[in-house]
Amino acid sequence: MDRRLALLLAETFGERLLTPVRQRYDETEIRIALADATDVLRVVHDDPALRFSMLIDLCGVDTGEEMHVVYHLSSSLSGDWLRIIVAGLDRTAPRIASATFLWPGAEWMERETYDMFGIIFEGNRDLRRIYMPDDYRSFPLRKDFYLADDASRSPAAGVRNMERVGTPADATAATLLRKSPGA
């Protein structure tokens, strides 16, 4: 663990940190509010004492109550990876400024996060679906995404799993799909 990095981050961002700096093995983590995201990213990128010039990954998280964007960064000045968690994105309309002004490669990572979570990255010049069809209306990694065959949670409880054909070998009269009286 790079203790110097933890101290520097705590001194630099102080009140902006939602939780104390966390460290585990070769990872250092800070959690910040959405309003501070652009400034904090700019500082960790441009500050000569930090120089986190490489964006390793960017992803989304759906907690069920709010959305987060997580940045994984690397610097030649530290052996630790820096994880920045931006908390507080509204689930109904998740929006955050694009990081492409610092890391041009973020464009593709933001597209993937948009495609899977529906998070809008304002300023990304090519924010469109990357995996799902253009006319797809849902976001597969959100907590409220259900497959049509998800019998345990779907309104059509009892629909057979799409990968299975026919009646399962271990089915009993109690577990078989009952037909409605009018069918």
Protein backbone atom coordinates (compact mmCIF):
# COMPACT_ATOMS: atom_id res chain seq x y z
CA MET A 1 0.00 0.00 0.00
CA ASP A 2 1.18 3.47 -0.88
CA ARG A 3 0.57 5.36 2.37
CA ARG A 4 1.96 8.55 0.83
CA LEU A 5 -0.78 8.44 -1.81
CA ALA A 6 -3.52 8.03 0.82
CA LEU A 7 -2.22 11.01 2.79
CA LEU A 8 -1.87 13.13 -0.33
CA LEU A 9 -5.43 12.34 -1.46
CA ALA A 10 -6.83 13.09 2.01
CA GLU A 11 -4.97 16.43 2.12
CA THR A 12 -5.85 17.38 -1.46
CA PHE A 13 -9.55 16.58 -1.36
CA GLY A 14 -10.37 16.79 2.36
CA GLU A 15 -14.05 17.72 2.73
CA ARG A 16 -14.86 16.55 -0.80
CA LEU A 17 -14.36 12.92 0.22
CA LEU A 18 -17.61 11.20 1.19
CA THR A 19 -15.70 8.55 3.16
CA PRO A 20 -12.11 8.30 4.38
CA VAL A 21 -9.49 7.11 1.89
CA ARG A 22 -9.51 3.31 1.84
CA GLN A 23 -6.57 1.09 1.03
CA ARG A 24 -6.28 -2.63 0.52
CA TYR A 25 -3.24 -4.37 -0.95
CA ASP A 26 -2.33 -2.31 -4.03
CA GLU A 27 -5.63 -0.42 -4.33
CA THR A 28 -6.48 3.00 -3.00
CA GLU A 29 -10.11 4.13 -3.12
CA ILE A 30 -11.85 7.44 -2.74
CA ARG A 31 -15.57 8.14 -2.88
CA ILE A 32 -16.81 11.54 -4.08
CA ALA A 33 -20.08 13.26 -4.91
CA LEU A 34 -21.29 13.81 -8.45
CA ALA A 35 -20.84 17.58 -8.13
CA ASP A 36 -17.09 17.14 -7.49
CA ALA A 37 -16.38 14.55 -10.20
CA THR A 38 -14.95 16.78 -12.94
CA ASP A 39 -12.70 18.75 -10.60
CA VAL A 40 -11.38 15.69 -8.78
CA LEU A 41 -10.66 13.84 -12.03
CA ARG A 42 -8.84 16.89 -13.40
CA VAL A 43 -6.69 17.19 -10.27
CA VAL A 44 -5.67 13.50 -10.15
CA HIS A 45 -4.80 13.70 -13.84
CA ASP A 46 -2.98 17.06 -13.91
CA ASP A 47 -1.40 17.41 -10.46
CA PRO A 48 2.36 16.70 -10.80
CA ALA A 49 2.33 14.92 -7.42
CA LEU A 50 -0.38 12.49 -8.59
CA ARG A 51 -0.24 12.16 -12.41
CA PHE A 52 -2.89 9.47 -12.88
CA SER A 53 -2.51 9.69 -16.63
CA MET A 54 -3.82 6.24 -17.52
CA LEU A 55 -7.49 5.33 -17.34
CA ILE A 56 -7.54 1.57 -16.97
CA ASP A 57 -11.29 1.08 -16.76
CA LEU A 58 -14.55 2.90 -16.25
CA CYS A 59 -17.78 1.17 -15.28
CA GLY A 60 -21.20 1.71 -13.81
CA VAL A 61 -22.82 0.35 -10.67
CA ASP A 62 -26.52 0.17 -9.86
CA THR A 63 -27.08 -0.10 -6.11
CA GLY A 64 -30.84 -0.31 -6.56
CA GLU A 65 -31.23 3.15 -5.05
CA GLU A 66 -28.69 5.20 -7.02
CA MET A 67 -26.11 4.81 -9.74
CA HIS A 68 -22.34 5.14 -9.42
CA VAL A 69 -19.55 5.56 -11.95
CA VAL A 70 -16.23 3.96 -11.03
CA TYR A 71 -12.89 5.01 -12.52
CA HIS A 72 -9.79 2.81 -12.21
CA LEU A 73 -6.59 4.81 -12.75
CA SER A 74 -2.86 4.20 -12.86
CA SER A 75 0.10 6.51 -12.25
CA SER A 76 3.81 6.06 -12.84
CA LEU A 77 4.38 7.70 -9.43
CA SER A 78 2.57 5.06 -7.37
CA GLY A 79 2.39 1.30 -7.30
CA ASP A 80 -1.26 1.57 -6.23
CA TRP A 81 -4.28 1.59 -8.49
CA LEU A 82 -6.63 4.46 -7.75
CA ARG A 83 -10.35 3.72 -7.71
CA ILE A 84 -12.59 6.77 -7.75
CA ILE A 85 -16.25 6.08 -7.03
CA VAL A 86 -18.60 8.87 -8.05
CA ALA A 87 -21.77 8.37 -6.05
CA GLY A 88 -25.18 9.96 -6.21
CA LEU A 89 -26.37 9.64 -9.81
CA ASP A 90 -30.16 9.64 -9.98
CA ARG A 91 -31.47 6.25 -11.16
CA THR A 92 -34.30 7.84 -13.15
CA ALA A 93 -31.97 10.07 -15.19
CA PRO A 94 -28.32 9.19 -14.53
CA ARG A 95 -25.99 11.85 -15.99
CA ILE A 96 -22.33 12.72 -15.50
CA ALA A 97 -19.76 14.75 -17.44
CA SER A 98 -17.63 12.78 -19.87
CA ALA A 99 -13.99 12.12 -18.97
CA THR A 100 -12.87 12.20 -22.61
CA PHE A 101 -11.36 15.66 -22.12
CA LEU A 102 -8.70 13.96 -19.94
CA TRP A 103 -8.59 10.42 -21.32
CA PRO A 104 -9.75 10.18 -24.97
CA GLY A 105 -9.99 6.39 -24.58
CA ALA A 106 -12.83 6.90 -22.12
CA GLU A 107 -15.14 7.29 -25.12
CA TRP A 108 -15.51 3.54 -25.61
CA MET A 109 -15.75 2.78 -21.89
CA GLU A 110 -18.48 5.41 -21.53
CA ARG A 111 -20.35 3.91 -24.47
CA GLU A 112 -20.25 0.50 -22.83
CA THR A 113 -21.45 1.93 -19.51
CA TYR A 114 -24.24 3.80 -21.30
CA ASP A 115 -25.27 0.64 -23.14
CA MET A 116 -25.39 -1.54 -20.03
CA PHE A 117 -26.60 0.97 -17.38
CA GLY A 118 -28.16 3.90 -19.27
CA ILE A 119 -25.78 6.45 -17.74
CA ILE A 120 -25.52 9.54 -19.97
CA PHE A 121 -21.97 10.93 -20.30
CA GLU A 122 -22.47 14.55 -21.28
CA GLY A 123 -19.83 15.65 -23.76
CA ASN A 124 -19.12 12.20 -25.20
CA ARG A 125 -19.22 12.81 -28.97
CA ASP A 126 -20.31 9.26 -29.83
CA LEU A 127 -22.60 8.06 -27.06
CA ARG A 128 -24.54 5.24 -28.66
CA ARG A 129 -25.10 1.54 -28.12
CA ILE A 130 -22.02 -0.63 -28.45
CA TYR A 131 -23.41 -4.15 -27.75
CA MET A 132 -27.18 -3.97 -27.86
CA PRO A 133 -29.21 -3.11 -31.00
CA ASP A 134 -29.82 0.61 -31.57
CA ASP A 135 -33.56 0.26 -30.96
CA TYR A 136 -33.14 -1.68 -27.69
CA ARG A 137 -34.94 0.15 -24.88
CA SER A 138 -33.55 -1.46 -21.73
CA PHE A 139 -30.21 -1.62 -19.92
CA PRO A 140 -29.12 -5.19 -19.09
CA LEU A 141 -26.94 -4.53 -16.02
CA ARG A 142 -29.48 -2.46 -14.10
CA LYS A 143 -31.16 -3.97 -11.06
CA ASP A 144 -34.60 -3.48 -12.61
CA PHE A 145 -33.77 -5.48 -15.76
CA TYR A 146 -35.65 -8.77 -15.97
CA LEU A 147 -35.44 -11.40 -18.64
CA ALA A 148 -38.71 -12.56 -20.16
CA ASP A 149 -38.11 -16.03 -18.74
CA ASP A 150 -37.22 -14.90 -15.22
CA ALA A 151 -40.07 -16.81 -13.61
CA SER A 152 -39.15 -15.92 -10.06
CA ARG A 153 -39.70 -12.18 -10.62
CA SER A 154 -41.60 -11.72 -13.85
CA PRO A 155 -45.37 -11.10 -14.05
CA ALA A 156 -45.60 -14.32 -16.08
CA ALA A 157 -44.36 -16.50 -13.21
CA GLY A 158 -44.03 -20.06 -14.36
CA VAL A 159 -42.72 -19.37 -17.86
CA ARG A 160 -40.21 -22.06 -18.80
CA ASN A 161 -36.54 -21.26 -18.91
CA MET A 162 -35.63 -20.46 -22.53
CA GLU A 163 -32.71 -22.89 -22.52
CA ARG A 164 -34.93 -25.85 -21.61
CA VAL A 165 -37.35 -27.54 -23.90
CA GLY A 166 -40.37 -29.44 -22.63
CA THR A 167 -41.03 -30.54 -19.08
CA PRO A 168 -38.05 -30.90 -16.72
CA ALA A 169 -37.30 -34.46 -15.66
CA ASP A 170 -37.77 -33.64 -11.98
CA ALA A 171 -41.17 -31.93 -12.44
CA THR A 172 -44.06 -32.86 -10.23
CA ALA A 173 -47.78 -32.13 -10.59
CA ALA A 174 -47.37 -29.21 -8.18
CA THR A 175 -44.55 -27.57 -10.20
CA LEU A 176 -46.02 -28.00 -13.69
CA LEU A 177 -47.49 -24.95 -15.41
CA ARG A 178 -51.24 -25.06 -14.96
CA LYS A 179 -53.41 -24.11 -17.89
CA SER A 180 -56.07 -21.50 -17.37
CA PRO A 181 -59.67 -22.78 -17.45
CA GLY A 182 -60.34 -20.97 -20.74
CA ALA A 183 -57.33 -22.42 -22.59
